[in-house]
Amino acid sequence: MKIAQIVHITECVPPEKYGGTERVVFHLTEELVRLGHDVTLFASGDSTTSATLVPMCNRALRHMPFLINRDAVMTWMLEYIWNVSHEFEILHSHMDFVGFPLARRSEVPIVTTIHGHLGAPELTGVYREFWEVPLVSVSYSQRAPFPSNNWKANVYHGLPADLHRFHPTSQGYLAFLGRMSPEKSPDVAIRIAQELGIPLRMAAKVDPVDREYFETEIAPLLADPLIQFIGEIPDRDKGEFLGNACAALCPYRPESFGLVLIEALACGTPVVTYRHGSFPELVDHGTTGFLCTDEDELVQAVRRIDEIDRGKCRSAFEERFTVERMTKGYLQLYEQMIRETAVSGSSLSGE
């Protein structure tokens, strides 16, 4: 099958450090190539892939802070892909709504995986306008704001089974992995560790937009010797960071998926999180972690963490969240959409 993978060029593929969408696209693309498909990746020029790379810019835009007209690069990218779209059997966009005008006008089937949370009110107009564009959700809960849009499938994210090794035992600390931002609630993680007297290690990125929040709300809390802030870590360090933890503490606000959760499960590390968003679809309460309704329940869940069998956490990952399972889901959808387009084309031509 001749497949195009299209990703936003803000970050390279795979990302150097933080970047869930680009990491998922990397693993999907590599697996499609391994299976023998002819894959072209439209991404930034500093991306790494076994597929054919068509660079849409020299470097990921986040490494070009003085670039004035980023929209110009994106506009040219969409037009370029439009002009070569006929070379593919299917195009798979990971650009969210940015690619909707292209998807609406393309004669070649285009499916868009929505990676982000859809709760922002400014999204209403664009999703209502492009209601017919074929979409893939990464959790069923993600669809809630726009249940009537054209959801073709739900495909959970997946990772290579050998990316992170299984850790049968822990070193007794709590792990927080993500961003130092209000929606990730690092302050909650710190309060829980302090109440329980358990060390907390925090591997987190501080985006420029969150710098003030970090410096005013979080930095003062890091003076506690229980709390170790190690900053942003690359993908290769995540396995040891999460695998040596007694639990992955994820007090995040509702998310569309939550890649950290399945990364923890891959290591055998149970997850403690809230019962909202996609998390109930990823964590089996009492088996691979605990789903809680408030901060007090999060504290009680950590106290019970030894009840969780770390081997069952790993097994759940292998059964539900591998790259092979994810890729199978997408290939089934690609084939379905190609068939539907062929039938529609035949009907229009009167055959």
Protein backbone atom coordinates (compact mmCIF):
# COMPACT_ATOMS: atom_id res chain seq x y z
CA MET A 1 0.00 0.00 0.00
CA LYS A 2 1.29 3.49 -0.85
CA ILE A 3 0.72 5.62 2.24
CA ALA A 4 1.47 9.23 3.16
CA GLN A 5 1.94 10.20 6.79
CA ILE A 6 1.56 13.93 7.41
CA VAL A 7 2.63 15.54 10.66
CA HIS A 8 2.75 19.09 11.96
CA ILE A 9 6.23 20.54 11.56
CA THR A 10 6.45 22.25 14.94
CA GLU A 11 8.34 19.19 16.24
CA CYS A 12 10.56 16.65 14.49
CA VAL A 13 9.77 12.93 14.21
CA PRO A 14 10.56 11.40 16.61
CA PRO A 15 10.77 14.30 19.06
CA GLU A 16 14.07 14.91 20.77
CA LYS A 17 12.39 14.92 24.18
CA TYR A 18 8.75 15.81 24.87
CA GLY A 19 6.20 15.20 22.12
CA GLY A 20 3.57 12.47 22.20
CA THR A 21 2.03 12.89 18.75
CA GLU A 22 5.36 12.81 16.93
CA ARG A 23 6.46 9.74 18.89
CA VAL A 24 3.28 7.88 17.94
CA VAL A 25 3.70 8.86 14.27
CA PHE A 26 7.30 7.63 14.35
CA HIS A 27 6.38 4.20 15.71
CA LEU A 28 3.42 3.85 13.33
CA THR A 29 5.55 4.81 10.31
CA GLU A 30 8.36 2.44 11.27
CA GLU A 31 5.94 -0.46 11.71
CA LEU A 32 4.23 0.22 8.36
CA VAL A 33 7.64 0.16 6.66
CA ARG A 34 8.57 -3.05 8.49
CA LEU A 35 5.39 -4.65 7.16
CA GLY A 36 6.45 -3.81 3.59
CA HIS A 37 4.32 -0.77 2.82
CA ASP A 38 5.58 2.13 0.71
CA VAL A 39 5.42 5.03 3.17
CA THR A 40 6.28 8.69 2.70
CA LEU A 41 6.58 10.96 5.72
CA PHE A 42 5.92 14.67 5.27
CA ALA A 43 7.68 16.26 8.25
CA SER A 44 10.49 18.59 9.24
CA GLY A 45 13.88 17.95 7.68
CA ASP A 46 15.51 16.99 10.99
CA SER A 47 13.20 14.00 11.34
CA THR A 48 14.51 10.42 11.33
CA THR A 49 12.60 7.65 9.57
CA SER A 50 12.90 4.44 7.59
CA ALA A 51 10.24 5.79 5.25
CA THR A 52 10.83 8.26 2.42
CA LEU A 53 11.19 11.64 4.11
CA VAL A 54 9.91 14.70 2.27
CA PRO A 55 11.14 17.68 4.31
CA MET A 56 8.65 20.51 4.63
CA CYS A 57 11.23 22.74 6.34
CA ASN A 58 14.87 22.33 7.32
CA ARG A 59 14.30 22.14 11.06
CA ALA A 60 11.29 21.73 13.34
CA LEU A 61 9.68 25.10 13.89
CA ARG A 62 10.16 24.96 17.65
CA HIS A 63 13.91 25.17 17.01
CA MET A 64 13.38 28.33 14.95
CA PRO A 65 12.12 30.84 17.57
CA PHE A 66 12.86 33.86 15.39
CA LEU A 67 10.83 32.66 12.42
CA ILE A 68 8.27 35.41 11.85
CA ASN A 69 5.76 33.84 9.46
CA ARG A 70 5.20 30.23 10.52
CA ASP A 71 1.80 30.21 8.84
CA ALA A 72 3.54 30.77 5.51
CA VAL A 73 5.46 27.52 5.91
CA MET A 74 2.32 25.61 6.87
CA THR A 75 0.31 27.05 3.97
CA TRP A 76 2.99 26.06 1.48
CA MET A 77 3.15 22.58 3.03
CA LEU A 78 -0.58 21.97 2.54
CA GLU A 79 -0.43 23.12 -1.09
CA TYR A 80 2.61 20.94 -1.77
CA ILE A 81 0.86 17.85 -0.38
CA TRP A 82 -2.27 18.68 -2.40
CA ASN A 83 -0.20 18.71 -5.59
CA VAL A 84 1.32 15.25 -4.93
CA SER A 85 -1.68 13.61 -3.23
CA HIS A 86 -2.55 11.64 -6.39
CA GLU A 87 0.66 9.62 -5.91
CA PHE A 88 -0.80 7.84 -2.88
CA GLU A 89 -3.58 5.38 -2.14
CA ILE A 90 -4.32 7.05 1.18
CA LEU A 91 -3.08 10.01 3.19
CA HIS A 92 -3.01 9.97 6.99
CA SER A 93 -2.97 13.39 8.61
CA HIS A 94 -1.84 14.02 12.18
CA MET A 95 -2.32 17.79 11.90
CA ASP A 96 -5.73 17.92 13.56
CA PHE A 97 -7.98 20.65 12.07
CA VAL A 98 -5.12 22.30 10.16
CA GLY A 99 -5.47 19.70 7.43
CA PHE A 100 -9.28 19.75 7.20
CA PRO A 101 -9.48 21.97 4.06
CA LEU A 102 -7.10 19.57 2.29
CA ALA A 103 -9.11 16.54 3.44
CA ARG A 104 -12.38 18.04 2.22
CA ARG A 105 -11.08 18.69 -1.31
CA SER A 106 -8.89 15.66 -1.92
CA GLU A 107 -10.01 12.97 -4.33
CA VAL A 108 -7.62 10.57 -2.60
CA PRO A 109 -8.95 9.43 0.80
CA ILE A 110 -7.52 11.33 3.76
CA VAL A 111 -8.11 10.29 7.36
CA THR A 112 -7.19 12.53 10.27
CA THR A 113 -6.23 11.23 13.69
CA ILE A 114 -7.23 13.75 16.33
CA HIS A 115 -4.49 13.74 18.94
CA GLY A 116 -5.58 16.68 21.07
CA HIS A 117 -8.28 17.35 23.63
CA LEU A 118 -11.43 18.82 22.04
CA GLY A 119 -12.78 20.79 24.99
CA ALA A 120 -11.61 24.26 23.91
CA PRO A 121 -14.63 26.42 22.91
CA GLU A 122 -12.82 27.93 19.91
CA LEU A 123 -12.83 24.50 18.23
CA THR A 124 -16.63 24.49 17.84
CA GLY A 125 -16.75 26.41 14.58
CA VAL A 126 -14.12 24.41 12.72
CA TYR A 127 -15.44 21.00 13.78
CA ARG A 128 -19.00 21.92 12.91
CA GLU A 129 -17.94 23.31 9.54
CA PHE A 130 -15.89 20.24 8.61
CA TRP A 131 -18.31 17.71 10.10
CA GLU A 132 -17.90 15.26 7.20
CA VAL A 133 -14.09 14.95 7.31
CA PRO A 134 -13.14 11.35 8.27
CA LEU A 135 -11.69 11.25 11.77
CA VAL A 136 -10.01 8.76 14.10
CA SER A 137 -10.26 9.17 17.86
CA VAL A 138 -7.59 7.93 20.22
CA SER A 139 -10.17 7.31 22.95
CA TYR A 140 -13.95 7.14 22.92
CA SER A 141 -14.16 9.86 25.55
CA GLN A 142 -12.33 12.22 23.18
CA ARG A 143 -15.38 12.33 20.90
CA ALA A 144 -17.74 13.77 23.53
CA PRO A 145 -17.66 17.44 22.40
CA PHE A 146 -18.46 16.48 18.77
CA PRO A 147 -20.23 13.09 18.82
CA SER A 148 -21.90 13.62 15.43
CA ASN A 149 -18.73 14.18 13.41
CA ASN A 150 -17.52 11.52 10.99
CA TRP A 151 -15.66 9.21 13.38
CA LYS A 152 -14.43 6.29 11.29
CA ALA A 153 -12.59 4.37 14.01
CA ASN A 154 -11.06 4.49 17.46
CA VAL A 155 -7.41 3.44 17.58
CA TYR A 156 -5.51 3.51 20.85
CA HIS A 157 -1.88 4.56 20.73
CA GLY A 158 0.72 1.81 20.76
CA LEU A 159 4.42 1.43 21.49
CA PRO A 160 7.00 -1.21 20.50
CA ALA A 161 6.98 -4.06 23.00
CA ASP A 162 10.75 -3.86 23.40
CA LEU A 163 10.89 -0.08 23.89
CA HIS A 164 10.69 -0.35 27.68
CA ARG A 165 11.72 -3.41 29.67
CA PHE A 166 9.63 -4.90 32.46
CA HIS A 167 10.67 -3.94 36.00
CA PRO A 168 9.36 -6.54 38.48
CA THR A 169 10.34 -4.42 41.49
CA SER A 170 10.60 -0.72 42.23
CA GLN A 171 12.95 1.58 44.10
CA GLY A 172 10.11 3.00 46.16
CA TYR A 173 9.63 6.48 44.69
CA LEU A 174 6.71 8.10 42.88
CA ALA A 175 7.21 9.26 39.29
CA PHE A 176 5.65 12.32 37.65
CA LEU A 177 6.27 12.65 33.91
CA GLY A 178 4.86 15.37 31.69
CA ARG A 179 4.87 19.15 31.59
CA MET A 180 5.05 21.71 34.37
CA SER A 181 1.67 23.18 33.46
CA PRO A 182 -1.66 23.68 35.26
CA GLU A 183 -3.38 20.93 33.26
CA LYS A 184 -0.83 18.37 34.46
CA SER A 185 -1.30 19.39 38.13
CA PRO A 186 2.28 18.93 39.37
CA ASP A 187 1.27 20.69 42.60
CA VAL A 188 -1.13 17.83 43.36
CA ALA A 189 1.64 15.29 42.85
CA ILE A 190 3.89 17.22 45.23
CA ARG A 191 1.21 17.47 47.94
CA ILE A 192 0.54 13.74 47.74
CA ALA A 193 4.22 12.88 48.10
CA GLN A 194 4.56 15.25 51.04
CA GLU A 195 1.51 13.86 52.82
CA LEU A 196 2.75 10.29 52.44
CA GLY A 197 6.43 11.03 53.01
CA ILE A 198 7.37 9.23 49.79
CA PRO A 199 10.07 10.60 47.45
CA LEU A 200 8.75 12.10 44.22
CA ARG A 201 10.87 12.38 41.09
CA MET A 202 9.57 14.79 38.48
CA ALA A 203 10.72 14.61 34.86
CA ALA A 204 8.94 17.48 33.22
CA LYS A 205 9.27 20.07 30.49
CA VAL A 206 8.70 23.77 31.14
CA ASP A 207 7.27 25.44 28.04
CA PRO A 208 7.73 29.21 27.66
CA VAL A 209 3.98 29.71 28.10
CA ASP A 210 4.17 27.91 31.47
CA ARG A 211 7.32 29.60 32.75
CA GLU A 212 5.51 32.06 35.03
CA TYR A 213 3.29 29.32 36.44
CA PHE A 214 6.32 27.15 37.14
CA GLU A 215 8.33 29.90 38.79
CA THR A 216 5.52 31.23 40.97
CA GLU A 217 3.51 28.09 41.82
CA ILE A 218 5.86 25.12 41.55
CA ALA A 219 9.48 26.20 42.01
CA PRO A 220 8.97 27.19 45.67
CA LEU A 221 7.67 23.67 46.40
CA LEU A 222 10.83 22.05 45.04
CA ALA A 223 12.86 23.04 48.12
CA ASP A 224 11.42 20.02 49.94
CA PRO A 225 14.14 17.29 49.93
CA LEU A 226 11.44 14.72 49.13
CA ILE A 227 10.96 16.33 45.71
CA GLN A 228 13.53 15.86 42.95
CA PHE A 229 12.99 17.85 39.76
CA ILE A 230 15.19 16.46 36.98
CA GLY A 231 13.77 18.42 34.06
CA GLU A 232 12.87 17.12 30.62
CA ILE A 233 14.24 13.68 29.73
CA PRO A 234 14.69 11.95 26.34
CA ASP A 235 12.74 8.86 25.33
CA ARG A 236 15.68 6.55 26.07
CA ASP A 237 15.60 7.49 29.78
CA LYS A 238 11.88 7.01 30.34
CA GLY A 239 12.02 3.26 30.86
CA GLU A 240 14.33 3.43 33.86
CA PHE A 241 12.62 6.52 35.24
CA LEU A 242 9.13 4.99 35.14
CA GLY A 243 10.17 1.37 35.66
CA ASN A 244 11.96 2.01 38.94
CA ALA A 245 8.96 3.88 40.39
CA CYS A 246 6.44 2.25 42.70
CA ALA A 247 3.72 4.16 40.85
CA ALA A 248 3.27 6.66 38.04
CA LEU A 249 1.38 9.54 39.62
CA CYS A 250 -0.76 11.16 36.91
CA PRO A 251 -3.12 13.75 38.45
CA TYR A 252 -3.73 15.26 35.03
CA ARG A 253 -6.87 17.04 33.92
CA PRO A 254 -8.91 15.12 31.29
CA GLU A 255 -6.88 14.14 28.23
CA SER A 256 -7.61 12.61 24.85
CA PHE A 257 -5.27 9.70 25.59
CA GLY A 258 -2.32 9.82 27.99
CA LEU A 259 0.83 8.26 26.55
CA VAL A 260 2.59 8.35 29.93
CA LEU A 261 0.04 5.89 31.30
CA ILE A 262 0.83 3.16 28.78
CA GLU A 263 4.56 3.88 29.01
CA ALA A 264 4.29 3.16 32.73
CA LEU A 265 2.30 -0.03 32.14
CA ALA A 266 4.92 -1.19 29.64
CA CYS A 267 7.46 -0.99 32.47
CA GLY A 268 5.17 -2.85 34.87
CA THR A 269 4.51 0.29 36.89
CA PRO A 270 0.94 0.83 38.14
CA VAL A 271 -0.81 4.12 37.43
CA VAL A 272 -2.60 6.34 39.93
CA THR A 273 -4.84 8.89 38.23
CA TYR A 274 -8.29 10.45 38.12
CA ARG A 275 -11.44 8.77 36.83
CA HIS A 276 -12.05 11.15 33.95
CA GLY A 277 -11.25 11.67 30.27
CA SER A 278 -9.59 8.72 28.59
CA PHE A 279 -8.00 7.31 31.74
CA PRO A 280 -10.77 4.78 32.55
CA GLU A 281 -10.21 3.34 29.07
CA LEU A 282 -6.51 2.79 29.78
CA VAL A 283 -6.33 1.78 33.44
CA ASP A 284 -8.17 -1.19 34.96
CA HIS A 285 -9.09 -0.06 38.46
CA GLY A 286 -7.58 -2.35 41.08
CA THR A 287 -5.65 -4.37 38.48
CA THR A 288 -3.25 -2.02 36.69
CA GLY A 289 -3.65 0.96 38.98
CA PHE A 290 -6.31 3.08 40.63
CA LEU A 291 -8.89 5.54 39.28
CA CYS A 292 -9.79 8.24 41.78
CA THR A 293 -12.38 10.99 42.12
CA ASP A 294 -10.43 13.45 44.27
CA GLU A 295 -7.06 14.16 45.85
CA ASP A 296 -7.85 12.23 49.04
CA GLU A 297 -8.52 9.12 46.97
CA LEU A 298 -5.23 9.60 45.17
CA VAL A 299 -3.47 9.52 48.54
CA GLN A 300 -5.30 6.38 49.60
CA ALA A 301 -4.53 4.73 46.25
CA VAL A 302 -0.79 5.26 46.68
CA ARG A 303 -1.04 3.66 50.12
CA ARG A 304 -2.52 0.57 48.42
CA ILE A 305 -0.09 0.44 45.53
CA ASP A 306 1.53 -2.81 46.70
CA GLU A 307 -1.78 -4.56 45.98
CA ILE A 308 -1.12 -4.17 42.26
CA ASP A 309 0.66 -7.01 40.44
CA ARG A 310 3.31 -5.40 38.26
CA GLY A 311 3.24 -8.40 35.93
CA LYS A 312 -0.43 -7.71 35.17
CA CYS A 313 0.46 -4.13 34.26
CA ARG A 314 2.93 -5.38 31.68
CA SER A 315 0.47 -7.98 30.38
CA ALA A 316 -2.22 -5.32 29.91
CA PHE A 317 0.21 -3.26 27.84
CA GLU A 318 1.15 -6.25 25.67
CA GLU A 319 -2.51 -7.12 25.06
CA ARG A 320 -3.83 -3.64 24.29
CA PHE A 321 -1.18 -1.01 23.61
CA THR A 322 1.54 -2.35 21.32
CA VAL A 323 2.51 -0.74 18.04
CA GLU A 324 1.45 -3.92 16.22
CA ARG A 325 -2.09 -3.59 17.55
CA MET A 326 -2.24 0.11 16.70
CA THR A 327 -0.93 -0.43 13.18
CA LYS A 328 -3.39 -3.26 12.53
CA GLY A 329 -6.23 -0.93 13.44
CA TYR A 330 -5.02 1.74 11.04
CA LEU A 331 -4.41 -0.70 8.18
CA GLN A 332 -7.97 -2.00 8.50
CA LEU A 333 -9.23 1.57 8.27
CA TYR A 334 -6.99 2.43 5.30
CA GLU A 335 -8.34 -0.57 3.38
CA GLN A 336 -11.92 0.33 4.27
CA MET A 337 -11.55 3.92 3.10
CA ILE A 338 -9.83 2.94 -0.14
CA ARG A 339 -12.70 0.54 -0.89
CA GLU A 340 -15.30 3.17 -0.07
CA THR A 341 -13.61 5.73 -2.32
CA ALA A 342 -13.43 3.22 -5.17
CA VAL A 343 -17.13 2.42 -4.84
CA SER A 344 -18.04 6.10 -4.67
CA GLY A 345 -15.93 6.83 -7.75
CA SER A 346 -17.60 4.02 -9.68
CA SER A 347 -21.03 5.32 -8.75
CA LEU A 348 -20.22 8.83 -9.89
CA SER A 349 -18.86 7.60 -13.23
CA GLY A 350 -21.97 5.50 -13.82
CA GLU A 351 -20.16 2.15 -13.82
